[in-house]
Full PDB file with SEQRES, HELIX, SHEET, SSBOND, CRYST1, ORIGX, SCALE, CONECT and MASTER records, all heavy atoms in Angstrom:
SEQRES   1 A   42  GLN VAL GLN LEU VAL GLU SER GLY GLY GLY LEU VAL GLN          
SEQRES   2 A   42  ALA GLY GLY SER LEU ARG LEU SER CYS THR ALA SER GLY          
SEQRES   3 A   42  SER ILE LEU SER THR GLN PHE MET ALA TRP TYR ARG GLN          
SEQRES   4 A   42  ALA PRO GLY                                                  
SHEET    1 AA1 2 GLN A   3  SER A   7  0                                        
SHEET    2 AA1 2 SER A  21  SER A  25 -1                                        
CRYST1    1.000    1.000    1.000  90.00  90.00  90.00 P 1           1          
ORIGX1      1.000000  0.000000  0.000000        0.00000                         
ORIGX2      0.000000  1.000000  0.000000        0.00000                         
ORIGX3      0.000000  0.000000  1.000000        0.00000                         
SCALE1      1.000000  0.000000  0.000000        0.00000                         
SCALE2      0.000000  1.000000  0.000000        0.00000                         
SCALE3      0.000000  0.000000  1.000000        0.00000                         
ATOM      1  N   GLN A   1     -68.277  -7.264  54.081  1.00  0.00           N  
ATOM      2  CA  GLN A   1     -67.756  -6.898  55.400  1.00  0.00           C  
ATOM      3  C   GLN A   1     -66.552  -7.760  55.779  1.00  0.00           C  
ATOM      4  O   GLN A   1     -65.537  -7.236  56.238  1.00  0.00           O  
ATOM      5  CB  GLN A   1     -68.844  -7.044  56.448  1.00  0.00           C  
ATOM      6  CG  GLN A   1     -68.425  -6.589  57.830  1.00  0.00           C  
ATOM      7  CD  GLN A   1     -69.558  -6.683  58.843  1.00  0.00           C  
ATOM      8  OE1 GLN A   1     -70.685  -7.008  58.510  1.00  0.00           O  
ATOM      9  NE2 GLN A   1     -69.234  -6.377  60.095  1.00  0.00           N  
ATOM     10  N   VAL A   2     -66.682  -9.064  55.609  1.00  0.00           N  
ATOM     11  CA  VAL A   2     -65.586  -9.988  55.877  1.00  0.00           C  
ATOM     12  C   VAL A   2     -64.882 -10.296  54.568  1.00  0.00           C  
ATOM     13  O   VAL A   2     -65.516 -10.490  53.535  1.00  0.00           O  
ATOM     14  CB  VAL A   2     -66.091 -11.290  56.518  1.00  0.00           C  
ATOM     15  CG1 VAL A   2     -64.969 -12.324  56.599  1.00  0.00           C  
ATOM     16  CG2 VAL A   2     -66.639 -11.007  57.910  1.00  0.00           C  
ATOM     17  N   GLN A   3     -63.565 -10.328  54.621  1.00  0.00           N  
ATOM     18  CA  GLN A   3     -62.771 -10.609  53.440  1.00  0.00           C  
ATOM     19  C   GLN A   3     -61.709 -11.667  53.737  1.00  0.00           C  
ATOM     20  O   GLN A   3     -61.083 -11.640  54.798  1.00  0.00           O  
ATOM     21  CB  GLN A   3     -62.095  -9.332  52.944  1.00  0.00           C  
ATOM     22  CG  GLN A   3     -61.274  -9.498  51.682  1.00  0.00           C  
ATOM     23  CD  GLN A   3     -60.693  -8.198  51.182  1.00  0.00           C  
ATOM     24  OE1 GLN A   3     -60.740  -7.890  49.988  1.00  0.00           O  
ATOM     25  NE2 GLN A   3     -60.141  -7.409  52.097  1.00  0.00           N  
ATOM     26  N   LEU A   4     -61.516 -12.601  52.809  1.00  0.00           N  
ATOM     27  CA  LEU A   4     -60.458 -13.593  52.906  1.00  0.00           C  
ATOM     28  C   LEU A   4     -59.374 -13.234  51.899  1.00  0.00           C  
ATOM     29  O   LEU A   4     -59.661 -13.028  50.722  1.00  0.00           O  
ATOM     30  CB  LEU A   4     -60.980 -14.996  52.598  1.00  0.00           C  
ATOM     31  CG  LEU A   4     -62.124 -15.547  53.456  1.00  0.00           C  
ATOM     32  CD1 LEU A   4     -62.438 -16.982  53.035  1.00  0.00           C  
ATOM     33  CD2 LEU A   4     -61.772 -15.498  54.929  1.00  0.00           C  
ATOM     34  N   VAL A   5     -58.142 -13.157  52.362  1.00  0.00           N  
ATOM     35  CA  VAL A   5     -57.014 -12.827  51.500  1.00  0.00           C  
ATOM     36  C   VAL A   5     -56.005 -13.962  51.525  1.00  0.00           C  
ATOM     37  O   VAL A   5     -55.527 -14.348  52.588  1.00  0.00           O  
ATOM     38  CB  VAL A   5     -56.345 -11.511  51.935  1.00  0.00           C  
ATOM     39  CG1 VAL A   5     -55.144 -11.213  51.046  1.00  0.00           C  
ATOM     40  CG2 VAL A   5     -57.334 -10.364  51.862  1.00  0.00           C  
ATOM     41  N   GLU A   6     -55.679 -14.489  50.342  1.00  0.00           N  
ATOM     42  CA  GLU A   6     -54.758 -15.602  50.211  1.00  0.00           C  
ATOM     43  C   GLU A   6     -53.414 -15.145  49.661  1.00  0.00           C  
ATOM     44  O   GLU A   6     -53.332 -14.146  48.939  1.00  0.00           O  
ATOM     45  CB  GLU A   6     -55.351 -16.666  49.283  1.00  0.00           C  
ATOM     46  CG  GLU A   6     -56.651 -17.258  49.793  1.00  0.00           C  
ATOM     47  CD  GLU A   6     -57.570 -17.690  48.679  1.00  0.00           C  
ATOM     48  OE1 GLU A   6     -57.896 -16.852  47.811  1.00  0.00           O  
ATOM     49  OE2 GLU A   6     -57.960 -18.877  48.671  1.00  0.00           O  
ATOM     50  N   SER A   7     -52.390 -15.908  49.969  1.00  0.00           N  
ATOM     51  CA  SER A   7     -51.061 -15.635  49.446  1.00  0.00           C  
ATOM     52  C   SER A   7     -50.236 -16.915  49.473  1.00  0.00           C  
ATOM     53  O   SER A   7     -50.624 -17.893  50.111  1.00  0.00           O  
ATOM     54  CB  SER A   7     -50.360 -14.541  50.253  1.00  0.00           C  
ATOM     55  OG  SER A   7     -50.153 -14.952  51.591  1.00  0.00           O  
ATOM     56  N   GLY A   8     -49.108 -16.908  48.790  1.00  0.00           N  
ATOM     57  CA  GLY A   8     -48.186 -18.030  48.825  1.00  0.00           C  
ATOM     58  C   GLY A   8     -48.119 -18.855  47.558  1.00  0.00           C  
ATOM     59  O   GLY A   8     -47.251 -19.731  47.436  1.00  0.00           O  
ATOM     60  N   GLY A   9     -49.007 -18.610  46.615  1.00  0.00           N  
ATOM     61  CA  GLY A   9     -48.981 -19.360  45.373  1.00  0.00           C  
ATOM     62  C   GLY A   9     -47.803 -18.955  44.511  1.00  0.00           C  
ATOM     63  O   GLY A   9     -47.139 -17.952  44.765  1.00  0.00           O  
ATOM     64  N   GLY A  10     -47.534 -19.747  43.488  1.00  0.00           N  
ATOM     65  CA  GLY A  10     -46.431 -19.448  42.597  1.00  0.00           C  
ATOM     66  C   GLY A  10     -46.045 -20.629  41.753  1.00  0.00           C  
ATOM     67  O   GLY A  10     -46.773 -21.619  41.660  1.00  0.00           O  
ATOM     68  N   LEU A  11     -44.879 -20.519  41.127  1.00  0.00           N  
ATOM     69  CA  LEU A  11     -44.342 -21.568  40.270  1.00  0.00           C  
ATOM     70  C   LEU A  11     -43.255 -22.326  41.009  1.00  0.00           C  
ATOM     71  O   LEU A  11     -42.344 -21.726  41.586  1.00  0.00           O  
ATOM     72  CB  LEU A  11     -43.771 -20.947  38.987  1.00  0.00           C  
ATOM     73  CG  LEU A  11     -43.057 -21.868  38.006  1.00  0.00           C  
ATOM     74  CD1 LEU A  11     -44.026 -22.900  37.446  1.00  0.00           C  
ATOM     75  CD2 LEU A  11     -42.434 -21.050  36.886  1.00  0.00           C  
ATOM     76  N   VAL A  12     -43.362 -23.649  40.996  1.00  0.00           N  
ATOM     77  CA  VAL A  12     -42.390 -24.485  41.687  1.00  0.00           C  
ATOM     78  C   VAL A  12     -42.147 -25.762  40.890  1.00  0.00           C  
ATOM     79  O   VAL A  12     -43.030 -26.221  40.155  1.00  0.00           O  
ATOM     80  CB  VAL A  12     -42.883 -24.813  43.121  1.00  0.00           C  
ATOM     81  CG1 VAL A  12     -44.140 -25.677  43.067  1.00  0.00           C  
ATOM     82  CG2 VAL A  12     -41.799 -25.487  43.937  1.00  0.00           C  
ATOM     83  N   GLN A  13     -40.965 -26.328  41.014  1.00  0.00           N  
ATOM     84  CA  GLN A  13     -40.643 -27.573  40.327  1.00  0.00           C  
ATOM     85  C   GLN A  13     -41.227 -28.769  41.072  1.00  0.00           C  
ATOM     86  O   GLN A  13     -41.446 -28.725  42.282  1.00  0.00           O  
ATOM     87  CB  GLN A  13     -39.129 -27.750  40.208  1.00  0.00           C  
ATOM     88  CG  GLN A  13     -38.453 -26.763  39.275  1.00  0.00           C  
ATOM     89  CD  GLN A  13     -36.975 -27.040  39.108  1.00  0.00           C  
ATOM     90  OE1 GLN A  13     -36.309 -27.507  40.028  1.00  0.00           O  
ATOM     91  NE2 GLN A  13     -36.460 -26.753  37.930  1.00  0.00           N  
ATOM     92  N   ALA A  14     -41.498 -29.844  40.339  1.00  0.00           N  
ATOM     93  CA  ALA A  14     -41.998 -31.069  40.953  1.00  0.00           C  
ATOM     94  C   ALA A  14     -41.057 -31.512  42.069  1.00  0.00           C  
ATOM     95  O   ALA A  14     -39.842 -31.467  41.924  1.00  0.00           O  
ATOM     96  CB  ALA A  14     -42.131 -32.167  39.903  1.00  0.00           C  
ATOM     97  N   GLY A  15     -41.653 -31.926  43.187  1.00  0.00           N  
ATOM     98  CA  GLY A  15     -40.883 -32.332  44.343  1.00  0.00           C  
ATOM     99  C   GLY A  15     -40.630 -31.202  45.319  1.00  0.00           C  
ATOM    100  O   GLY A  15     -40.168 -31.440  46.442  1.00  0.00           O  
ATOM    101  N   GLY A  16     -40.948 -29.985  44.915  1.00  0.00           N  
ATOM    102  CA  GLY A  16     -40.729 -28.824  45.753  1.00  0.00           C  
ATOM    103  C   GLY A  16     -41.839 -28.601  46.756  1.00  0.00           C  
ATOM    104  O   GLY A  16     -42.784 -29.385  46.859  1.00  0.00           O  
ATOM    105  N   SER A  17     -41.728 -27.490  47.494  1.00  0.00           N  
ATOM    106  CA  SER A  17     -42.687 -27.163  48.543  1.00  0.00           C  
ATOM    107  C   SER A  17     -43.212 -25.745  48.393  1.00  0.00           C  
ATOM    108  O   SER A  17     -42.557 -24.874  47.815  1.00  0.00           O  
ATOM    109  CB  SER A  17     -42.040 -27.303  49.921  1.00  0.00           C  
ATOM    110  OG  SER A  17     -41.636 -28.629  50.177  1.00  0.00           O  
ATOM    111  N   LEU A  18     -44.393 -25.540  48.944  1.00  0.00           N  
ATOM    112  CA  LEU A  18     -45.035 -24.238  48.925  1.00  0.00           C  
ATOM    113  C   LEU A  18     -45.928 -24.146  50.157  1.00  0.00           C  
ATOM    114  O   LEU A  18     -46.481 -25.163  50.598  1.00  0.00           O  
ATOM    115  CB  LEU A  18     -45.863 -24.089  47.655  1.00  0.00           C  
ATOM    116  CG  LEU A  18     -45.918 -22.759  46.899  1.00  0.00           C  
ATOM    117  CD1 LEU A  18     -44.522 -22.234  46.605  1.00  0.00           C  
ATOM    118  CD2 LEU A  18     -46.688 -22.942  45.602  1.00  0.00           C  
ATOM    119  N   ARG A  19     -46.064 -22.961  50.708  1.00  0.00           N  
ATOM    120  CA  ARG A  19     -46.943 -22.761  51.854  1.00  0.00           C  
ATOM    121  C   ARG A  19     -47.951 -21.657  51.552  1.00  0.00           C  
ATOM    122  O   ARG A  19     -47.570 -20.510  51.316  1.00  0.00           O  
ATOM    123  CB  ARG A  19     -46.146 -22.382  53.104  1.00  0.00           C  
ATOM    124  CG  ARG A  19     -46.968 -22.415  54.394  1.00  0.00           C  
ATOM    125  CD  ARG A  19     -46.199 -21.798  55.543  1.00  0.00           C  
ATOM    126  NE  ARG A  19     -46.849 -22.027  56.827  1.00  0.00           N  
ATOM    127  CZ  ARG A  19     -46.693 -21.247  57.892  1.00  0.00           C  
ATOM    128  NH1 ARG A  19     -45.898 -20.192  57.834  1.00  0.00           N  
ATOM    129  NH2 ARG A  19     -47.324 -21.531  59.028  1.00  0.00           N  
ATOM    130  N   LEU A  20     -49.223 -22.010  51.551  1.00  0.00           N  
ATOM    131  CA  LEU A  20     -50.286 -21.060  51.305  1.00  0.00           C  
ATOM    132  C   LEU A  20     -50.838 -20.540  52.627  1.00  0.00           C  
ATOM    133  O   LEU A  20     -50.857 -21.247  53.625  1.00  0.00           O  
ATOM    134  CB  LEU A  20     -51.426 -21.704  50.515  1.00  0.00           C  
ATOM    135  CG  LEU A  20     -51.075 -22.426  49.212  1.00  0.00           C  
ATOM    136  CD1 LEU A  20     -52.350 -22.938  48.550  1.00  0.00           C  
ATOM    137  CD2 LEU A  20     -50.309 -21.504  48.272  1.00  0.00           C  
ATOM    138  N   SER A  21     -51.304 -19.305  52.620  1.00  0.00           N  
ATOM    139  CA  SER A  21     -51.937 -18.742  53.797  1.00  0.00           C  
ATOM    140  C   SER A  21     -53.234 -18.057  53.408  1.00  0.00           C  
ATOM    141  O   SER A  21     -53.390 -17.584  52.282  1.00  0.00           O  
ATOM    142  CB  SER A  21     -51.010 -17.755  54.513  1.00  0.00           C  
ATOM    143  OG  SER A  21     -50.736 -16.632  53.697  1.00  0.00           O  
ATOM    144  N   CYS A  22     -54.164 -18.011  54.350  1.00  0.00           N  
ATOM    145  CA  CYS A  22     -55.459 -17.367  54.146  1.00  0.00           C  
ATOM    146  C   CYS A  22     -55.830 -16.655  55.434  1.00  0.00           C  
ATOM    147  O   CYS A  22     -55.966 -17.294  56.478  1.00  0.00           O  
ATOM    148  CB  CYS A  22     -56.521 -18.405  53.785  1.00  0.00           C  
ATOM    149  SG  CYS A  22     -58.212 -17.767  53.760  1.00  0.00           S  
ATOM    150  N   THR A  23     -56.010 -15.358  55.354  1.00  0.00           N  
ATOM    151  CA  THR A  23     -56.354 -14.565  56.527  1.00  0.00           C  
ATOM    152  C   THR A  23     -57.693 -13.868  56.336  1.00  0.00           C  
ATOM    153  O   THR A  23     -57.911 -13.206  55.321  1.00  0.00           O  
ATOM    154  CB  THR A  23     -55.273 -13.512  56.820  1.00  0.00           C  
ATOM    155  OG1 THR A  23     -54.028 -14.163  57.087  1.00  0.00           O  
ATOM    156  CG2 THR A  23     -55.654 -12.675  58.028  1.00  0.00           C  
ATOM    157  N   ALA A  24     -58.581 -14.037  57.309  1.00  0.00           N  
ATOM    158  CA  ALA A  24     -59.878 -13.380  57.287  1.00  0.00           C  
ATOM    159  C   ALA A  24     -59.802 -12.076  58.070  1.00  0.00           C  
ATOM    160  O   ALA A  24     -59.201 -12.020  59.148  1.00  0.00           O  
ATOM    161  CB  ALA A  24     -60.948 -14.275  57.886  1.00  0.00           C  
ATOM    162  N   SER A  25     -60.414 -11.038  57.539  1.00  0.00           N  
ATOM    163  CA  SER A  25     -60.430  -9.748  58.218  1.00  0.00           C  
ATOM    164  C   SER A  25     -61.846  -9.186  58.233  1.00  0.00           C  
ATOM    165  O   SER A  25     -62.686  -9.572  57.418  1.00  0.00           O  
ATOM    166  CB  SER A  25     -59.481  -8.763  57.537  1.00  0.00           C  
ATOM    167  OG  SER A  25     -59.869  -8.520  56.197  1.00  0.00           O  
ATOM    168  N   GLY A  26     -62.100  -8.271  59.157  1.00  0.00           N  
ATOM    169  CA  GLY A  26     -63.416  -7.683  59.307  1.00  0.00           C  
ATOM    170  C   GLY A  26     -63.869  -7.773  60.749  1.00  0.00           C  
ATOM    171  O   GLY A  26     -63.084  -8.062  61.646  1.00  0.00           O  
ATOM    172  N   SER A  27     -65.153  -7.517  60.975  1.00  0.00           N  
ATOM    173  CA  SER A  27     -65.708  -7.566  62.333  1.00  0.00           C  
ATOM    174  C   SER A  27     -66.051  -9.002  62.714  1.00  0.00           C  
ATOM    175  O   SER A  27     -67.214  -9.363  62.890  1.00  0.00           O  
ATOM    176  CB  SER A  27     -66.938  -6.668  62.423  1.00  0.00           C  
ATOM    177  OG  SER A  27     -66.618  -5.326  62.106  1.00  0.00           O  
ATOM    178  N   ILE A  28     -65.023  -9.818  62.855  1.00  0.00           N  
ATOM    179  CA  ILE A  28     -65.184 -11.251  63.092  1.00  0.00           C  
ATOM    180  C   ILE A  28     -65.376 -11.578  64.569  1.00  0.00           C  
ATOM    181  O   ILE A  28     -64.610 -11.131  65.416  1.00  0.00           O  
ATOM    182  CB  ILE A  28     -63.978 -12.019  62.537  1.00  0.00           C  
ATOM    183  CG1 ILE A  28     -63.890 -11.825  61.025  1.00  0.00           C  
ATOM    184  CG2 ILE A  28     -64.075 -13.505  62.888  1.00  0.00           C  
ATOM    185  CD1 ILE A  28     -62.608 -12.337  60.422  1.00  0.00           C  
ATOM    186  N   LEU A  29     -66.400 -12.378  64.839  1.00  0.00           N  
ATOM    187  CA  LEU A  29     -66.641 -12.862  66.193  1.00  0.00           C  
ATOM    188  C   LEU A  29     -66.007 -14.231  66.396  1.00  0.00           C  
ATOM    189  O   LEU A  29     -65.430 -14.504  67.448  1.00  0.00           O  
ATOM    190  CB  LEU A  29     -68.142 -12.922  66.488  1.00  0.00           C  
ATOM    191  CG  LEU A  29     -68.877 -11.580  66.465  1.00  0.00           C  
ATOM    192  CD1 LEU A  29     -70.374 -11.809  66.672  1.00  0.00           C  
ATOM    193  CD2 LEU A  29     -68.329 -10.651  67.533  1.00  0.00           C  
ATOM    194  N   SER A  30     -66.122 -15.102  65.386  1.00  0.00           N  
ATOM    195  CA  SER A  30     -65.510 -16.419  65.452  1.00  0.00           C  
ATOM    196  C   SER A  30     -65.436 -17.038  64.062  1.00  0.00           C  
ATOM    197  O   SER A  30     -66.256 -16.745  63.197  1.00  0.00           O  
ATOM    198  CB  SER A  30     -66.284 -17.348  66.394  1.00  0.00           C  
ATOM    199  OG  SER A  30     -67.557 -17.664  65.868  1.00  0.00           O  
ATOM    200  N   THR A  31     -64.441 -17.899  63.877  1.00  0.00           N  
ATOM    201  CA  THR A  31     -64.283 -18.659  62.648  1.00  0.00           C  
ATOM    202  C   THR A  31     -64.500 -20.127  63.006  1.00  0.00           C  
ATOM    203  O   THR A  31     -63.707 -20.702  63.749  1.00  0.00           O  
ATOM    204  CB  THR A  31     -62.895 -18.447  62.034  1.00  0.00           C  
ATOM    205  OG1 THR A  31     -62.721 -17.068  61.725  1.00  0.00           O  
ATOM    206  CG2 THR A  31     -62.749 -19.272  60.763  1.00  0.00           C  
ATOM    207  N   GLN A  32     -65.570 -20.699  62.483  1.00  0.00           N  
ATOM    208  CA  GLN A  32     -65.957 -22.050  62.880  1.00  0.00           C  
ATOM    209  C   GLN A  32     -65.282 -23.145  62.054  1.00  0.00           C  
ATOM    210  O   GLN A  32     -65.072 -24.255  62.541  1.00  0.00           O  
ATOM    211  CB  GLN A  32     -67.472 -22.216  62.767  1.00  0.00           C  
ATOM    212  CG  GLN A  32     -68.274 -21.255  63.633  1.00  0.00           C  
ATOM    213  CD  GLN A  32     -68.063 -21.491  65.114  1.00  0.00           C  
ATOM    214  OE1 GLN A  32     -67.961 -22.634  65.563  1.00  0.00           O  
ATOM    215  NE2 GLN A  32     -68.000 -20.417  65.880  1.00  0.00           N  
ATOM    216  N   PHE A  33     -64.953 -22.838  60.818  1.00  0.00           N  
ATOM    217  CA  PHE A  33     -64.477 -23.847  59.873  1.00  0.00           C  
ATOM    218  C   PHE A  33     -63.694 -23.163  58.768  1.00  0.00           C  
ATOM    219  O   PHE A  33     -64.112 -22.121  58.266  1.00  0.00           O  
ATOM    220  CB  PHE A  33     -65.701 -24.586  59.298  1.00  0.00           C  
ATOM    221  CG  PHE A  33     -65.425 -25.569  58.208  1.00  0.00           C  
ATOM    222  CD1 PHE A  33     -65.165 -26.896  58.500  1.00  0.00           C  
ATOM    223  CD2 PHE A  33     -65.472 -25.183  56.870  1.00  0.00           C  
ATOM    224  CE1 PHE A  33     -64.943 -27.820  57.495  1.00  0.00           C  
ATOM    225  CE2 PHE A  33     -65.250 -26.097  55.856  1.00  0.00           C  
ATOM    226  CZ  PHE A  33     -64.987 -27.429  56.182  1.00  0.00           C  
ATOM    227  N   MET A  34     -62.566 -23.739  58.403  1.00  0.00           N  
ATOM    228  CA  MET A  34     -61.796 -23.222  57.281  1.00  0.00           C  
ATOM    229  C   MET A  34     -61.343 -24.387  56.415  1.00  0.00           C  
ATOM    230  O   MET A  34     -61.106 -25.485  56.924  1.00  0.00           O  
ATOM    231  CB  MET A  34     -60.585 -22.410  57.749  1.00  0.00           C  
ATOM    232  CG  MET A  34     -60.962 -21.181  58.559  1.00  0.00           C  
ATOM    233  SD  MET A  34     -59.558 -20.057  58.889  1.00  0.00           S  
ATOM    234  CE  MET A  34     -59.498 -19.154  57.329  1.00  0.00           C  
ATOM    235  N   ALA A  35     -61.245 -24.139  55.128  1.00  0.00           N  
ATOM    236  CA  ALA A  35     -60.885 -25.203  54.205  1.00  0.00           C  
ATOM    237  C   ALA A  35     -60.149 -24.648  52.994  1.00  0.00           C  
ATOM    238  O   ALA A  35     -60.232 -23.458  52.688  1.00  0.00           O  
ATOM    239  CB  ALA A  35     -62.134 -25.962  53.749  1.00  0.00           C  
ATOM    240  N   TRP A  36     -59.440 -25.539  52.323  1.00  0.00           N  
ATOM    241  CA  TRP A  36     -58.800 -25.230  51.054  1.00  0.00           C  
ATOM    242  C   TRP A  36     -59.418 -26.096  49.971  1.00  0.00           C  
ATOM    243  O   TRP A  36     -59.544 -27.308  50.137  1.00  0.00           O  
ATOM    244  CB  TRP A  36     -57.292 -25.493  51.105  1.00  0.00           C  
ATOM    245  CG  TRP A  36     -56.528 -24.498  51.919  1.00  0.00           C  
ATOM    246  CD1 TRP A  36     -56.136 -24.617  53.208  1.00  0.00           C  
ATOM    247  CD2 TRP A  36     -56.049 -23.225  51.464  1.00  0.00           C  
ATOM    248  NE1 TRP A  36     -55.443 -23.498  53.606  1.00  0.00           N  
ATOM    249  CE2 TRP A  36     -55.376 -22.626  52.555  1.00  0.00           C  
ATOM    250  CE3 TRP A  36     -56.121 -22.534  50.251  1.00  0.00           C  
ATOM    251  CZ2 TRP A  36     -54.781 -21.363  52.464  1.00  0.00           C  
ATOM    252  CZ3 TRP A  36     -55.530 -21.282  50.170  1.00  0.00           C  
ATOM    253  CH2 TRP A  36     -54.871 -20.715  51.264  1.00  0.00           C  
ATOM    254  N   TYR A  37     -59.808 -25.466  48.877  1.00  0.00           N  
ATOM    255  CA  TYR A  37     -60.302 -26.143  47.692  1.00  0.00           C  
ATOM    256  C   TYR A  37     -59.352 -25.843  46.547  1.00  0.00           C  
ATOM    257  O   TYR A  37     -58.573 -24.889  46.603  1.00  0.00           O  
ATOM    258  CB  TYR A  37     -61.702 -25.649  47.321  1.00  0.00           C  
ATOM    259  CG  TYR A  37     -62.817 -26.146  48.212  1.00  0.00           C  
ATOM    260  CD1 TYR A  37     -63.062 -25.562  49.452  1.00  0.00           C  
ATOM    261  CD2 TYR A  37     -63.644 -27.195  47.799  1.00  0.00           C  
ATOM    262  CE1 TYR A  37     -64.095 -26.014  50.262  1.00  0.00           C  
ATOM    263  CE2 TYR A  37     -64.681 -27.643  48.606  1.00  0.00           C  
ATOM    264  CZ  TYR A  37     -64.897 -27.049  49.830  1.00  0.00           C  
ATOM    265  OH  TYR A  37     -65.927 -27.497  50.623  1.00  0.00           O  
ATOM    266  N   ARG A  38     -59.433 -26.647  45.489  1.00  0.00           N  
ATOM    267  CA  ARG A  38     -58.653 -26.346  44.301  1.00  0.00           C  
ATOM    268  C   ARG A  38     -59.447 -26.696  43.056  1.00  0.00           C  
ATOM    269  O   ARG A  38     -60.340 -27.536  43.087  1.00  0.00           O  
ATOM    270  CB  ARG A  38     -57.314 -27.086  44.302  1.00  0.00           C  
ATOM    271  CG  ARG A  38     -57.398 -28.587  44.038  1.00  0.00           C  
ATOM    272  CD  ARG A  38     -56.012 -29.212  44.140  1.00  0.00           C  
ATOM    273  NE  ARG A  38     -56.017 -30.602  43.731  1.00  0.00           N  
ATOM    274  CZ  ARG A  38     -54.972 -31.417  43.841  1.00  0.00           C  
ATOM    275  NH1 ARG A  38     -53.821 -30.957  44.351  1.00  0.00           N  
ATOM    276  NH2 ARG A  38     -55.063 -32.680  43.440  1.00  0.00           N  
ATOM    277  N   GLN A  39     -59.117 -26.022  41.970  1.00  0.00           N  
ATOM    278  CA  GLN A  39     -59.766 -26.285  40.698  1.00  0.00           C  
ATOM    279  C   GLN A  39     -58.758 -26.123  39.569  1.00  0.00           C  
ATOM    280  O   GLN A  39     -58.176 -25.055  39.401  1.00  0.00           O  
ATOM    281  CB  GLN A  39     -60.958 -25.349  40.478  1.00  0.00           C  
ATOM    282  CG  GLN A  39     -61.756 -25.662  39.224  1.00  0.00           C  
ATOM    283  CD  GLN A  39     -63.087 -24.934  39.179  1.00  0.00           C  
ATOM    284  OE1 GLN A  39     -63.254 -23.873  39.779  1.00  0.00           O  
ATOM    285  NE2 GLN A  39     -64.047 -25.498  38.471  1.00  0.00           N  
ATOM    286  N   ALA A  40     -58.561 -27.196  38.827  1.00  0.00           N  
ATOM    287  CA  ALA A  40     -57.684 -27.181  37.665  1.00  0.00           C  
ATOM    288  C   ALA A  40     -58.532 -26.977  36.416  1.00  0.00           C  
ATOM    289  O   ALA A  40     -59.719 -27.302  36.405  1.00  0.00           O  
ATOM    290  CB  ALA A  40     -56.905 -28.491  37.567  1.00  0.00           C  
ATOM    291  N   PRO A  41     -57.948 -26.451  35.343  1.00  0.00           N  
ATOM    292  CA  PRO A  41     -58.696 -26.242  34.102  1.00  0.00           C  
ATOM    293  C   PRO A  41     -59.373 -27.525  33.632  1.00  0.00           C  
ATOM    294  O   PRO A  41     -58.740 -28.575  33.566  1.00  0.00           O  
ATOM    295  CB  PRO A  41     -57.616 -25.789  33.121  1.00  0.00           C  
ATOM    296  CG  PRO A  41     -56.598 -25.121  33.982  1.00  0.00           C  
ATOM    297  CD  PRO A  41     -56.557 -25.964  35.224  1.00  0.00           C  
ATOM    298  N   GLY A  42     -60.670 -27.442  33.335  1.00  0.00           N  
ATOM    299  CA  GLY A  42     -61.414 -28.594  32.863  1.00  0.00           C  
ATOM    300  C   GLY A  42     -61.931 -29.508  33.959  1.00  0.00           C  
ATOM    301  O   GLY A  42     -62.659 -30.462  33.671  1.00  0.00           O  
TER     302      GLY A  42                                                      
MASTER        0    0    0    0    2    0    0    6  301    1    0    4          
END                                                                             
């Protein structure tokens, strides 16, 4: 019912910048907490 959609990733050179976004959609009453996690290979 609820879906999170992310965008903004890509390839960038060291020292550069990037802005990620995450939007929740569905019959939402409230969003209590949001977070970003990451996982690299291994």
